[in-house]
Amino acid sequence: MTGALLAVVALLPNAAPGPTREGARLAEIQRVLDAEQGPARTWWWFWTIGFATAAVGGLGLAQVVDDPSLSDGFAVGAVGAAIGFTSMLVIPFPAKHAGDEARALSGTPAERLDAAERVFEDAANREAFGEGWLAHLGGLAVGTGLATYLWQVRGRPDAALRNFAMSLAVGQAKIHTQPDHLPDAWDAYRARWPEPPPPTPLFGISLRF
């Protein structure tokens, strides 16, 4: 009789174990990173290929146009595009592969959770950096430097103003089209899954509640 009752209980839906705390958190992290990975990858490839194309195209146009002001403007614009291309390659943007990286993690659930949270936090911080004041300042510095060269060294004030305006417009477009959901998602995750308080020391003895 007892064996029959146990068999019936085992077949009940509620008898199946529910998801663990680590499993629920891992699933949430994976869902968020997967949702961001596609847009992040598209954005990264669009700007990387765009800067490369602009650098090659500007250099080519500088060789064929007859107007010296335009020629200098295209040449310096190609330099600016090359700087943008290099920045895309050098500055990490882990959101474009964070979902795959989290999925490939191995180990115990606790170890995977720790590693996945590091991936999540790093990708969120990088997105925040890409829209922060340093990104704006860097774009302004590049545009100012190239415009100063055109104006003071090449004596092309008209080309300098054109290139400065174009550099600022492209830089702002790059910043404002960057996917930026992960910083808010990370804050929401930390609020939903707060870290447990540290043990309370009492006379050299750590008490856990």
N, C-alpha and C. Protein backbone atom coordinates (compact mmCIF):
# COMPACT_ATOMS: atom_id res chain seq x y z
N MET A 1 0.83 -1.21 0.00
CA MET A 1 0.00 0.00 0.00
C MET A 1 0.87 1.26 0.00
N THR A 2 1.87 1.24 0.87
CA THR A 2 2.76 2.40 0.93
C THR A 2 3.48 2.61 -0.38
N GLY A 3 3.93 1.51 -1.00
CA GLY A 3 4.61 1.63 -2.29
C GLY A 3 3.72 2.21 -3.35
N ALA A 4 2.44 1.83 -3.35
CA ALA A 4 1.50 2.36 -4.34
C ALA A 4 1.29 3.85 -4.14
N LEU A 5 1.17 4.28 -2.87
CA LEU A 5 0.99 5.71 -2.59
C LEU A 5 2.20 6.51 -3.05
N LEU A 6 3.40 6.01 -2.81
CA LEU A 6 4.60 6.71 -3.24
C LEU A 6 4.66 6.82 -4.75
N ALA A 7 4.22 5.77 -5.44
CA ALA A 7 4.22 5.80 -6.91
C ALA A 7 3.27 6.86 -7.43
N VAL A 8 2.09 6.97 -6.79
CA VAL A 8 1.11 7.98 -7.21
C VAL A 8 1.64 9.38 -6.96
N VAL A 9 2.24 9.59 -5.78
CA VAL A 9 2.80 10.90 -5.46
C VAL A 9 3.90 11.28 -6.44
N ALA A 10 4.68 10.34 -6.84
CA ALA A 10 5.79 10.63 -7.77
C ALA A 10 5.28 11.08 -9.12
N LEU A 11 4.06 10.65 -9.48
CA LEU A 11 3.50 11.02 -10.78
C LEU A 11 2.80 12.37 -10.75
N LEU A 12 2.54 12.90 -9.58
CA LEU A 12 1.86 14.19 -9.49
C LEU A 12 2.74 15.30 -10.03
N PRO A 13 2.18 16.32 -10.73
CA PRO A 13 2.99 17.43 -11.28
C PRO A 13 3.75 18.17 -10.21
N ASN A 14 3.14 18.36 -9.05
CA ASN A 14 3.81 19.14 -8.02
C ASN A 14 4.96 18.41 -7.37
N ALA A 15 5.10 17.12 -7.69
CA ALA A 15 6.19 16.38 -7.08
C ALA A 15 7.51 16.66 -7.76
N ALA A 16 7.49 17.21 -8.98
CA ALA A 16 8.73 17.52 -9.69
C ALA A 16 9.43 18.69 -9.01
N PRO A 17 10.73 18.61 -8.83
CA PRO A 17 11.44 19.70 -8.17
C PRO A 17 11.39 20.97 -8.99
N GLY A 18 11.22 22.10 -8.34
CA GLY A 18 11.18 23.38 -9.04
C GLY A 18 12.58 23.85 -9.38
N PRO A 19 12.68 24.93 -10.16
CA PRO A 19 14.00 25.45 -10.53
C PRO A 19 14.75 25.97 -9.31
N THR A 20 16.02 25.77 -9.29
CA THR A 20 16.84 26.27 -8.20
C THR A 20 17.03 27.76 -8.33
N ARG A 21 17.49 28.38 -7.27
CA ARG A 21 17.76 29.81 -7.29
C ARG A 21 18.83 30.13 -8.33
N GLU A 22 19.89 29.31 -8.36
CA GLU A 22 20.94 29.53 -9.35
C GLU A 22 20.41 29.36 -10.77
N GLY A 23 19.56 28.33 -10.96
CA GLY A 23 19.00 28.10 -12.29
C GLY A 23 18.14 29.25 -12.76
N ALA A 24 17.33 29.80 -11.87
CA ALA A 24 16.47 30.92 -12.24
C ALA A 24 17.30 32.15 -12.61
N ARG A 25 18.35 32.39 -11.85
CA ARG A 25 19.20 33.55 -12.13
C ARG A 25 19.97 33.35 -13.44
N LEU A 26 20.46 32.14 -13.66
CA LEU A 26 21.17 31.87 -14.92
C LEU A 26 20.24 32.04 -16.11
N ALA A 27 19.01 31.58 -15.99
CA ALA A 27 18.06 31.71 -17.08
C ALA A 27 17.76 33.17 -17.38
N GLU A 28 17.64 33.97 -16.34
CA GLU A 28 17.38 35.40 -16.54
C GLU A 28 18.56 36.08 -17.24
N ILE A 29 19.77 35.78 -16.79
CA ILE A 29 20.96 36.36 -17.41
C ILE A 29 21.05 35.96 -18.87
N GLN A 30 20.83 34.68 -19.14
CA GLN A 30 20.91 34.21 -20.52
C GLN A 30 19.89 34.89 -21.41
N ARG A 31 18.69 35.05 -20.89
CA ARG A 31 17.62 35.68 -21.67
C ARG A 31 17.98 37.13 -22.02
N VAL A 32 18.50 37.86 -21.05
CA VAL A 32 18.85 39.26 -21.28
C VAL A 32 20.00 39.39 -22.27
N LEU A 33 21.04 38.57 -22.09
CA LEU A 33 22.21 38.66 -22.97
C LEU A 33 21.88 38.23 -24.39
N ASP A 34 21.04 37.21 -24.53
CA ASP A 34 20.64 36.77 -25.87
C ASP A 34 19.85 37.86 -26.59
N ALA A 35 18.98 38.55 -25.86
CA ALA A 35 18.17 39.60 -26.47
C ALA A 35 19.03 40.77 -26.96
N GLU A 36 20.12 41.04 -26.26
CA GLU A 36 20.98 42.17 -26.63
C GLU A 36 22.02 41.80 -27.67
N GLN A 37 22.37 40.53 -27.77
CA GLN A 37 23.49 40.13 -28.61
C GLN A 37 23.26 40.45 -30.09
N GLY A 38 22.05 40.18 -30.60
CA GLY A 38 21.78 40.44 -32.01
C GLY A 38 21.93 41.91 -32.38
N PRO A 39 21.22 42.83 -31.70
CA PRO A 39 21.39 44.25 -32.00
C PRO A 39 22.82 44.74 -31.80
N ALA A 40 23.50 44.24 -30.75
CA ALA A 40 24.88 44.67 -30.50
C ALA A 40 25.79 44.24 -31.64
N ARG A 41 25.61 43.02 -32.11
CA ARG A 41 26.44 42.53 -33.21
C ARG A 41 26.18 43.32 -34.49
N THR A 42 24.91 43.60 -34.78
CA THR A 42 24.57 44.38 -35.97
C THR A 42 25.19 45.77 -35.91
N TRP A 43 25.07 46.42 -34.74
CA TRP A 43 25.64 47.76 -34.57
C TRP A 43 27.14 47.74 -34.77
N TRP A 44 27.81 46.77 -34.16
CA TRP A 44 29.27 46.72 -34.24
C TRP A 44 29.71 46.50 -35.68
N TRP A 45 29.14 45.59 -36.40
CA TRP A 45 29.54 45.34 -37.79
C TRP A 45 29.21 46.52 -38.69
N PHE A 46 28.06 47.15 -38.47
CA PHE A 46 27.67 48.30 -39.30
C PHE A 46 28.71 49.40 -39.20
N TRP A 47 29.12 49.77 -37.98
CA TRP A 47 30.06 50.87 -37.82
C TRP A 47 31.48 50.47 -38.18
N THR A 48 31.85 49.23 -37.94
CA THR A 48 33.20 48.80 -38.31
C THR A 48 33.36 48.80 -39.82
N ILE A 49 32.41 48.22 -40.53
CA ILE A 49 32.48 48.20 -41.99
C ILE A 49 32.31 49.61 -42.55
N GLY A 50 31.43 50.41 -41.92
CA GLY A 50 31.22 51.77 -42.38
C GLY A 50 32.48 52.62 -42.28
N PHE A 51 33.18 52.53 -41.16
CA PHE A 51 34.42 53.30 -41.01
C PHE A 51 35.48 52.82 -42.00
N ALA A 52 35.59 51.52 -42.20
CA ALA A 52 36.57 51.00 -43.15
C ALA A 52 36.26 51.49 -44.57
N THR A 53 35.00 51.46 -44.95
CA THR A 53 34.60 51.91 -46.28
C THR A 53 34.86 53.40 -46.45
N ALA A 54 34.55 54.19 -45.41
CA ALA A 54 34.78 55.63 -45.49
C ALA A 54 36.27 55.95 -45.59
N ALA A 55 37.09 55.20 -44.88
CA ALA A 55 38.54 55.45 -44.93
C ALA A 55 39.09 55.18 -46.32
N VAL A 56 38.71 54.04 -46.90
CA VAL A 56 39.20 53.69 -48.24
C VAL A 56 38.62 54.64 -49.28
N GLY A 57 37.31 54.92 -49.15
CA GLY A 57 36.68 55.81 -50.12
C GLY A 57 37.22 57.22 -50.05
N GLY A 58 37.43 57.75 -48.85
CA GLY A 58 37.98 59.10 -48.72
C GLY A 58 39.37 59.20 -49.28
N LEU A 59 40.18 58.18 -49.06
CA LEU A 59 41.54 58.20 -49.60
C LEU A 59 41.51 58.16 -51.12
N GLY A 60 40.60 57.37 -51.67
CA GLY A 60 40.49 57.31 -53.13
C GLY A 60 40.01 58.62 -53.73
N LEU A 61 39.00 59.24 -53.12
CA LEU A 61 38.49 60.52 -53.62
C LEU A 61 39.54 61.62 -53.53
N ALA A 62 40.37 61.57 -52.50
CA ALA A 62 41.41 62.58 -52.35
C ALA A 62 42.39 62.55 -53.52
N GLN A 63 42.50 61.42 -54.17
CA GLN A 63 43.44 61.29 -55.28
C GLN A 63 42.86 61.75 -56.63
N VAL A 64 41.54 61.81 -56.72
CA VAL A 64 40.95 62.06 -58.03
C VAL A 64 40.28 63.43 -58.17
N VAL A 65 39.88 64.07 -57.06
CA VAL A 65 39.22 65.37 -57.18
C VAL A 65 40.25 66.46 -57.51
N ASP A 66 39.80 67.47 -58.25
CA ASP A 66 40.71 68.54 -58.68
C ASP A 66 40.79 69.68 -57.66
N ASP A 67 39.72 69.89 -56.91
CA ASP A 67 39.69 70.99 -55.95
C ASP A 67 40.61 70.66 -54.77
N PRO A 68 41.67 71.46 -54.54
CA PRO A 68 42.60 71.15 -53.43
C PRO A 68 41.93 71.14 -52.07
N SER A 69 40.96 72.02 -51.87
CA SER A 69 40.27 72.05 -50.58
C SER A 69 39.49 70.75 -50.35
N LEU A 70 38.79 70.29 -51.38
CA LEU A 70 38.06 69.03 -51.26
C LEU A 70 39.02 67.85 -51.10
N SER A 71 40.12 67.91 -51.85
CA SER A 71 41.09 66.82 -51.77
C SER A 71 41.65 66.68 -50.35
N ASP A 72 42.03 67.83 -49.76
CA ASP A 72 42.53 67.79 -48.39
C ASP A 72 41.44 67.34 -47.40
N GLY A 73 40.23 67.79 -47.65
CA GLY A 73 39.13 67.40 -46.77
C GLY A 73 38.87 65.90 -46.81
N PHE A 74 38.90 65.32 -48.02
CA PHE A 74 38.69 63.88 -48.14
C PHE A 74 39.84 63.10 -47.48
N ALA A 75 41.06 63.58 -47.66
CA ALA A 75 42.21 62.88 -47.08
C ALA A 75 42.14 62.88 -45.55
N VAL A 76 41.83 64.03 -44.98
CA VAL A 76 41.74 64.11 -43.52
C VAL A 76 40.51 63.35 -43.02
N GLY A 77 39.44 63.39 -43.78
CA GLY A 77 38.27 62.59 -43.41
C GLY A 77 38.59 61.10 -43.39
N ALA A 78 39.43 60.66 -44.34
CA ALA A 78 39.84 59.26 -44.35
C ALA A 78 40.63 58.91 -43.10
N VAL A 79 41.45 59.85 -42.64
CA VAL A 79 42.20 59.61 -41.39
C VAL A 79 41.23 59.47 -40.22
N GLY A 80 40.24 60.35 -40.16
CA GLY A 80 39.25 60.25 -39.08
C GLY A 80 38.49 58.94 -39.12
N ALA A 81 38.12 58.48 -40.34
CA ALA A 81 37.43 57.20 -40.45
C ALA A 81 38.34 56.05 -40.03
N ALA A 82 39.63 56.14 -40.36
CA ALA A 82 40.58 55.11 -39.94
C ALA A 82 40.70 55.06 -38.42
N ILE A 83 40.66 56.24 -37.78
CA ILE A 83 40.68 56.28 -36.31
C ILE A 83 39.42 55.60 -35.75
N GLY A 84 38.26 55.89 -36.37
CA GLY A 84 37.03 55.25 -35.93
C GLY A 84 37.07 53.75 -36.11
N PHE A 85 37.60 53.29 -37.24
CA PHE A 85 37.73 51.85 -37.50
C PHE A 85 38.62 51.19 -36.45
N THR A 86 39.74 51.83 -36.15
CA THR A 86 40.65 51.29 -35.15
C THR A 86 40.00 51.22 -33.78
N SER A 87 39.23 52.25 -33.44
CA SER A 87 38.57 52.24 -32.13
C SER A 87 37.56 51.11 -32.02
N MET A 88 36.89 50.77 -33.11
CA MET A 88 35.94 49.67 -33.08
C MET A 88 36.64 48.35 -32.82
N LEU A 89 37.85 48.20 -33.34
CA LEU A 89 38.60 46.96 -33.16
C LEU A 89 39.26 46.89 -31.79
N VAL A 90 39.68 48.04 -31.26
CA VAL A 90 40.49 48.05 -30.04
C VAL A 90 39.63 48.10 -28.78
N ILE A 91 38.57 48.91 -28.80
CA ILE A 91 37.73 49.06 -27.60
C ILE A 91 36.78 47.87 -27.50
N PRO A 92 36.84 47.10 -26.42
CA PRO A 92 35.98 45.91 -26.30
C PRO A 92 34.50 46.29 -26.28
N PHE A 93 33.70 45.44 -26.91
CA PHE A 93 32.24 45.60 -26.86
C PHE A 93 31.64 44.20 -26.68
N PRO A 94 31.73 43.66 -25.45
CA PRO A 94 31.37 42.25 -25.23
C PRO A 94 29.91 41.93 -25.41
N ALA A 95 29.03 42.92 -25.49
CA ALA A 95 27.61 42.61 -25.67
C ALA A 95 27.35 41.83 -26.95
N LYS A 96 28.25 41.96 -27.94
CA LYS A 96 28.03 41.29 -29.22
C LYS A 96 28.27 39.79 -29.16
N HIS A 97 28.87 39.30 -28.08
CA HIS A 97 29.08 37.86 -27.96
C HIS A 97 28.80 37.35 -26.54
N ALA A 98 28.24 38.20 -25.68
CA ALA A 98 28.05 37.82 -24.27
C ALA A 98 27.07 36.66 -24.12
N GLY A 99 26.03 36.61 -24.95
CA GLY A 99 25.08 35.51 -24.86
C GLY A 99 25.73 34.17 -25.14
N ASP A 100 26.55 34.11 -26.20
CA ASP A 100 27.26 32.87 -26.52
C ASP A 100 28.25 32.52 -25.42
N GLU A 101 28.93 33.53 -24.88
CA GLU A 101 29.91 33.28 -23.83
C GLU A 101 29.25 32.71 -22.58
N ALA A 102 28.10 33.25 -22.19
CA ALA A 102 27.40 32.75 -21.02
C ALA A 102 26.90 31.32 -21.24
N ARG A 103 26.44 31.04 -22.45
CA ARG A 103 25.91 29.71 -22.75
C ARG A 103 27.00 28.65 -22.72
N ALA A 104 28.22 29.03 -23.02
CA ALA A 104 29.32 28.07 -23.08
C ALA A 104 29.96 27.80 -21.73
N LEU A 105 29.50 28.45 -20.68
CA LEU A 105 30.11 28.27 -19.36
C LEU A 105 29.89 26.85 -18.85
N SER A 106 30.85 26.36 -18.10
CA SER A 106 30.74 25.03 -17.52
C SER A 106 31.04 25.09 -16.03
N GLY A 107 30.80 23.98 -15.35
CA GLY A 107 31.03 23.90 -13.92
C GLY A 107 29.74 23.68 -13.16
N THR A 108 29.81 23.82 -11.87
CA THR A 108 28.61 23.68 -11.05
C THR A 108 27.68 24.87 -11.28
N PRO A 109 26.41 24.74 -10.92
CA PRO A 109 25.51 25.89 -11.09
C PRO A 109 26.02 27.16 -10.41
N ALA A 110 26.59 27.02 -9.23
CA ALA A 110 27.11 28.20 -8.53
C ALA A 110 28.29 28.81 -9.29
N GLU A 111 29.18 27.97 -9.80
CA GLU A 111 30.32 28.49 -10.56
C GLU A 111 29.87 29.14 -11.86
N ARG A 112 28.92 28.53 -12.52
CA ARG A 112 28.40 29.11 -13.77
C ARG A 112 27.71 30.44 -13.49
N LEU A 113 26.99 30.52 -12.37
CA LEU A 113 26.30 31.76 -12.03
C LEU A 113 27.31 32.88 -11.78
N ASP A 114 28.36 32.59 -11.03
CA ASP A 114 29.38 33.61 -10.75
C ASP A 114 30.00 34.11 -12.06
N ALA A 115 30.33 33.18 -12.95
CA ALA A 115 30.96 33.56 -14.22
C ALA A 115 29.97 34.32 -15.10
N ALA A 116 28.71 33.88 -15.13
CA ALA A 116 27.71 34.56 -15.95
C ALA A 116 27.46 35.98 -15.46
N GLU A 117 27.46 36.17 -14.15
CA GLU A 117 27.28 37.52 -13.62
C GLU A 117 28.45 38.42 -13.99
N ARG A 118 29.66 37.87 -14.03
CA ARG A 118 30.81 38.67 -14.46
C ARG A 118 30.68 39.07 -15.92
N VAL A 119 30.23 38.13 -16.76
CA VAL A 119 30.00 38.44 -18.17
C VAL A 119 28.95 39.53 -18.32
N PHE A 120 27.86 39.38 -17.60
CA PHE A 120 26.75 40.35 -17.62
C PHE A 120 27.23 41.73 -17.19
N GLU A 121 27.91 41.78 -16.06
CA GLU A 121 28.36 43.07 -15.52
C GLU A 121 29.36 43.74 -16.46
N ASP A 122 30.29 42.97 -17.02
CA ASP A 122 31.28 43.54 -17.93
C ASP A 122 30.61 44.11 -19.18
N ALA A 123 29.68 43.36 -19.75
CA ALA A 123 28.99 43.85 -20.95
C ALA A 123 28.18 45.11 -20.64
N ALA A 124 27.55 45.15 -19.46
CA ALA A 124 26.78 46.34 -19.07
C ALA A 124 27.70 47.54 -18.88
N ASN A 125 28.83 47.33 -18.24
CA ASN A 125 29.77 48.44 -18.01
C ASN A 125 30.33 48.97 -19.32
N ARG A 126 30.58 48.08 -20.27
CA ARG A 126 31.12 48.52 -21.57
C ARG A 126 30.09 49.32 -22.35
N GLU A 127 28.84 48.91 -22.27
CA GLU A 127 27.81 49.71 -22.93
C GLU A 127 27.70 51.09 -22.29
N ALA A 128 27.76 51.14 -20.97
CA ALA A 128 27.69 52.43 -20.29
C ALA A 128 28.88 53.30 -20.66
N PHE A 129 30.07 52.69 -20.77
CA PHE A 129 31.26 53.44 -21.17
C PHE A 129 31.09 54.01 -22.58
N GLY A 130 30.51 53.23 -23.48
CA GLY A 130 30.35 53.68 -24.87
C GLY A 130 29.44 54.87 -25.02
N GLU A 131 28.61 55.15 -24.01
CA GLU A 131 27.73 56.32 -24.05
C GLU A 131 28.12 57.38 -23.04
N GLY A 132 29.23 57.17 -22.34
CA GLY A 132 29.63 58.09 -21.29
C GLY A 132 30.36 59.32 -21.81
N TRP A 133 30.78 60.15 -20.87
CA TRP A 133 31.40 61.42 -21.24
C TRP A 133 32.75 61.23 -21.93
N LEU A 134 33.45 60.14 -21.62
CA LEU A 134 34.73 59.90 -22.29
C LEU A 134 34.53 59.64 -23.78
N ALA A 135 33.45 58.94 -24.14
CA ALA A 135 33.18 58.70 -25.55
C ALA A 135 32.88 60.01 -26.28
N HIS A 136 32.08 60.88 -25.65
CA HIS A 136 31.78 62.18 -26.25
C HIS A 136 33.05 63.04 -26.35
N LEU A 137 33.86 63.02 -25.30
CA LEU A 137 35.08 63.81 -25.31
C LEU A 137 36.06 63.30 -26.36
N GLY A 138 36.14 61.98 -26.51
CA GLY A 138 37.04 61.42 -27.52
C GLY A 138 36.64 61.84 -28.93
N GLY A 139 35.34 61.78 -29.23
CA GLY A 139 34.88 62.22 -30.55
C GLY A 139 35.15 63.69 -30.79
N LEU A 140 34.96 64.52 -29.76
CA LEU A 140 35.23 65.95 -29.89
C LEU A 140 36.72 66.20 -30.12
N ALA A 141 37.57 65.44 -29.43
CA ALA A 141 39.01 65.63 -29.56
C ALA A 141 39.48 65.27 -30.96
N VAL A 142 38.97 64.17 -31.51
CA VAL A 142 39.37 63.77 -32.86
C VAL A 142 38.92 64.81 -33.87
N GLY A 143 37.66 65.24 -33.78
CA GLY A 143 37.16 66.24 -34.72
C GLY A 143 37.92 67.55 -34.63
N THR A 144 38.23 67.97 -33.41
CA THR A 144 38.96 69.23 -33.22
C THR A 144 40.38 69.12 -33.76
N GLY A 145 41.02 68.00 -33.50
CA GLY A 145 42.40 67.83 -33.98
C GLY A 145 42.49 67.83 -35.49
N LEU A 146 41.61 67.12 -36.14
CA LEU A 146 41.65 67.07 -37.60
C LEU A 146 41.28 68.42 -38.22
N ALA A 147 40.30 69.11 -37.63
CA ALA A 147 39.93 70.43 -38.15
C ALA A 147 41.06 71.43 -37.95
N THR A 148 41.74 71.35 -36.83
CA THR A 148 42.87 72.25 -36.57
C THR A 148 43.98 72.03 -37.59
N TYR A 149 44.24 70.77 -37.93
CA TYR A 149 45.26 70.48 -38.95
C TYR A 149 44.87 71.08 -40.29
N LEU A 150 43.62 70.90 -40.68
CA LEU A 150 43.17 71.44 -41.96
C LEU A 150 43.27 72.97 -41.99
N TRP A 151 42.90 73.59 -40.90
CA TRP A 151 42.86 75.06 -40.86
C TRP A 151 44.26 75.65 -40.71
N GLN A 152 45.02 75.18 -39.73
CA GLN A 152 46.29 75.81 -39.39
C GLN A 152 47.45 75.33 -40.26
N VAL A 153 47.45 74.07 -40.61
CA VAL A 153 48.58 73.52 -41.37
C VAL A 153 48.33 73.59 -42.87
N ARG A 154 47.14 73.16 -43.30
CA ARG A 154 46.84 73.15 -44.74
C ARG A 154 46.21 74.43 -45.22
N GLY A 155 45.78 75.29 -44.30
CA GLY A 155 45.17 76.56 -44.70
C GLY A 155 43.84 76.38 -45.40
N ARG A 156 43.02 75.45 -44.91
CA ARG A 156 41.73 75.17 -45.53
C ARG A 156 40.61 75.37 -44.50
N PRO A 157 40.25 76.61 -44.17
CA PRO A 157 39.21 76.83 -43.15
C PRO A 157 37.86 76.26 -43.56
N ASP A 158 37.53 76.34 -44.86
CA ASP A 158 36.23 75.80 -45.30
C ASP A 158 36.18 74.29 -45.11
N ALA A 159 37.26 73.60 -45.51
CA ALA A 159 37.31 72.15 -45.33
C ALA A 159 37.35 71.80 -43.85
N ALA A 160 38.00 72.62 -43.04
CA ALA A 160 38.07 72.35 -41.60
C ALA A 160 36.69 72.38 -40.98
N LEU A 161 35.89 73.38 -41.33
CA LEU A 161 34.54 73.49 -40.77
C LEU A 161 33.66 72.32 -41.23
N ARG A 162 33.79 71.95 -42.51
CA ARG A 162 33.00 70.82 -43.02
C ARG A 162 33.37 69.53 -42.29
N ASN A 163 34.65 69.29 -42.18
CA ASN A 163 35.09 68.05 -41.54
C ASN A 163 34.74 68.01 -40.06
N PHE A 164 34.83 69.17 -39.39
CA PHE A 164 34.50 69.20 -37.97
C PHE A 164 33.02 68.87 -37.76
N ALA A 165 32.16 69.47 -38.57
CA ALA A 165 30.72 69.20 -38.45
C ALA A 165 30.41 67.74 -38.76
N MET A 166 31.05 67.20 -39.80
CA MET A 166 30.82 65.82 -40.18
C MET A 166 31.32 64.86 -39.10
N SER A 167 32.49 65.17 -38.54
CA SER A 167 33.06 64.31 -37.51
C SER A 167 32.16 64.26 -36.27
N LEU A 168 31.66 65.43 -35.86
CA LEU A 168 30.76 65.46 -34.70
C LEU A 168 29.47 64.70 -34.98
N ALA A 169 28.91 64.88 -36.17
CA ALA A 169 27.65 64.21 -36.51
C ALA A 169 27.82 62.69 -36.52
N VAL A 170 28.91 62.22 -37.13
CA VAL A 170 29.14 60.77 -37.18
C VAL A 170 29.39 60.22 -35.78
N GLY A 171 30.19 60.95 -34.99
CA GLY A 171 30.47 60.48 -33.64
C GLY A 171 29.23 60.38 -32.78
N GLN A 172 28.36 61.38 -32.87
CA GLN A 172 27.13 61.35 -32.08
C GLN A 172 26.18 60.26 -32.58
N ALA A 173 26.14 60.06 -33.89
CA ALA A 173 25.29 58.99 -34.43
C ALA A 173 25.77 57.63 -33.94
N LYS A 174 27.07 57.43 -33.92
CA LYS A 174 27.62 56.16 -33.42
C LYS A 174 27.25 55.93 -31.96
N ILE A 175 27.38 56.97 -31.15
CA ILE A 175 27.09 56.85 -29.72
C ILE A 175 25.61 56.58 -29.49
N HIS A 176 24.75 57.33 -30.17
CA HIS A 176 23.32 57.26 -29.87
C HIS A 176 22.62 56.07 -30.53
N THR A 177 23.28 55.40 -31.48
CA THR A 177 22.70 54.18 -32.04
C THR A 177 23.19 52.93 -31.35
N GLN A 178 24.14 53.07 -30.43
CA GLN A 178 24.67 51.89 -29.73
C GLN A 178 23.59 51.28 -28.84
N PRO A 179 23.42 49.96 -28.88
CA PRO A 179 22.49 49.32 -27.94
C PRO A 179 22.89 49.62 -26.49
N ASP A 180 21.90 49.88 -25.65
CA ASP A 180 22.22 50.34 -24.29
C ASP A 180 21.27 49.79 -23.24
N HIS A 181 20.75 48.59 -23.47
CA HIS A 181 19.79 48.03 -22.51
C HIS A 181 20.45 47.35 -21.32
N LEU A 182 21.70 46.93 -21.45
CA LEU A 182 22.30 46.12 -20.40
C LEU A 182 22.56 46.86 -19.08
N PRO A 183 22.98 48.13 -19.09
CA PRO A 183 23.17 48.78 -17.78
C PRO A 183 21.91 48.80 -16.92
N ASP A 184 20.76 49.14 -17.51
CA ASP A 184 19.51 49.12 -16.75
C ASP A 184 19.12 47.69 -16.37
N ALA A 185 19.36 46.75 -17.28
CA ALA A 185 19.03 45.36 -16.99
C ALA A 185 19.88 44.82 -15.85
N TRP A 186 21.16 45.23 -15.80
CA TRP A 186 22.03 44.79 -14.72
C TRP A 186 21.56 45.36 -13.38
N ASP A 187 21.19 46.64 -13.36
CA ASP A 187 20.68 47.25 -12.13
C ASP A 187 19.40 46.55 -11.66
N ALA A 188 18.53 46.22 -12.61
CA ALA A 188 17.28 45.55 -12.25
C ALA A 188 17.57 44.14 -11.72
N TYR A 189 18.52 43.48 -12.31
CA TYR A 189 18.90 42.13 -11.86
C TYR A 189 19.45 42.18 -10.44
N ARG A 190 20.32 43.14 -10.17
CA ARG A 190 20.90 43.23 -8.82
C ARG A 190 19.84 43.58 -7.78
N ALA A 191 18.85 44.38 -8.19
CA ALA A 191 17.77 44.71 -7.26
C ALA A 191 16.88 43.50 -6.99
N ARG A 192 16.69 42.67 -8.00
CA ARG A 192 15.84 41.51 -7.85
C ARG A 192 16.54 40.37 -7.11
N TRP A 193 17.85 40.30 -7.26
CA TRP A 193 18.62 39.24 -6.61
C TRP A 193 19.74 39.87 -5.78
N PRO A 194 19.39 40.51 -4.67
CA PRO A 194 20.43 41.19 -3.86
C PRO A 194 21.37 40.18 -3.22
N GLU A 195 22.59 40.62 -3.01
CA GLU A 195 23.56 39.78 -2.33
C GLU A 195 23.18 39.62 -0.86
N PRO A 196 23.35 38.42 -0.30
CA PRO A 196 23.04 38.26 1.12
C PRO A 196 23.97 39.10 1.97
N PRO A 197 23.51 39.58 3.12
CA PRO A 197 24.39 40.41 3.97
C PRO A 197 25.56 39.59 4.48
N PRO A 198 26.70 40.22 4.71
CA PRO A 198 27.86 39.49 5.23
C PRO A 198 27.60 39.02 6.66
N PRO A 199 28.33 38.01 7.10
CA PRO A 199 28.17 37.54 8.47
C PRO A 199 28.43 38.67 9.47
N THR A 200 27.69 38.66 10.57
CA THR A 200 27.84 39.68 11.59
C THR A 200 28.84 39.21 12.64
N PRO A 201 30.01 39.88 12.74
CA PRO A 201 30.99 39.43 13.73
C PRO A 201 30.57 39.84 15.15
N LEU A 202 30.73 38.94 16.08
CA LEU A 202 30.42 39.20 17.48
C LEU A 202 31.47 38.50 18.33
N PHE A 203 32.32 39.33 18.95
CA PHE A 203 33.41 38.82 19.77
C PHE A 203 34.28 37.83 18.99
N GLY A 204 34.55 38.20 17.72
CA GLY A 204 35.42 37.37 16.91
C GLY A 204 34.75 36.16 16.31
N ILE A 205 33.42 36.00 16.55
CA ILE A 205 32.69 34.86 16.02
C ILE A 205 31.70 35.37 14.98
N SER A 206 31.72 34.81 13.79
CA SER A 206 30.82 35.21 12.75
C SER A 206 29.50 34.47 12.90
N LEU A 207 28.42 35.22 13.03
CA LEU A 207 27.10 34.64 13.17
C LEU A 207 26.36 34.74 11.86
N ARG A 208 25.74 33.68 11.40
CA ARG A 208 24.97 33.67 10.16
C ARG A 208 23.49 33.46 10.49
N PHE A 209 22.65 34.26 9.88
CA PHE A 209 21.23 34.15 10.15
C PHE A 209 20.51 33.76 8.87
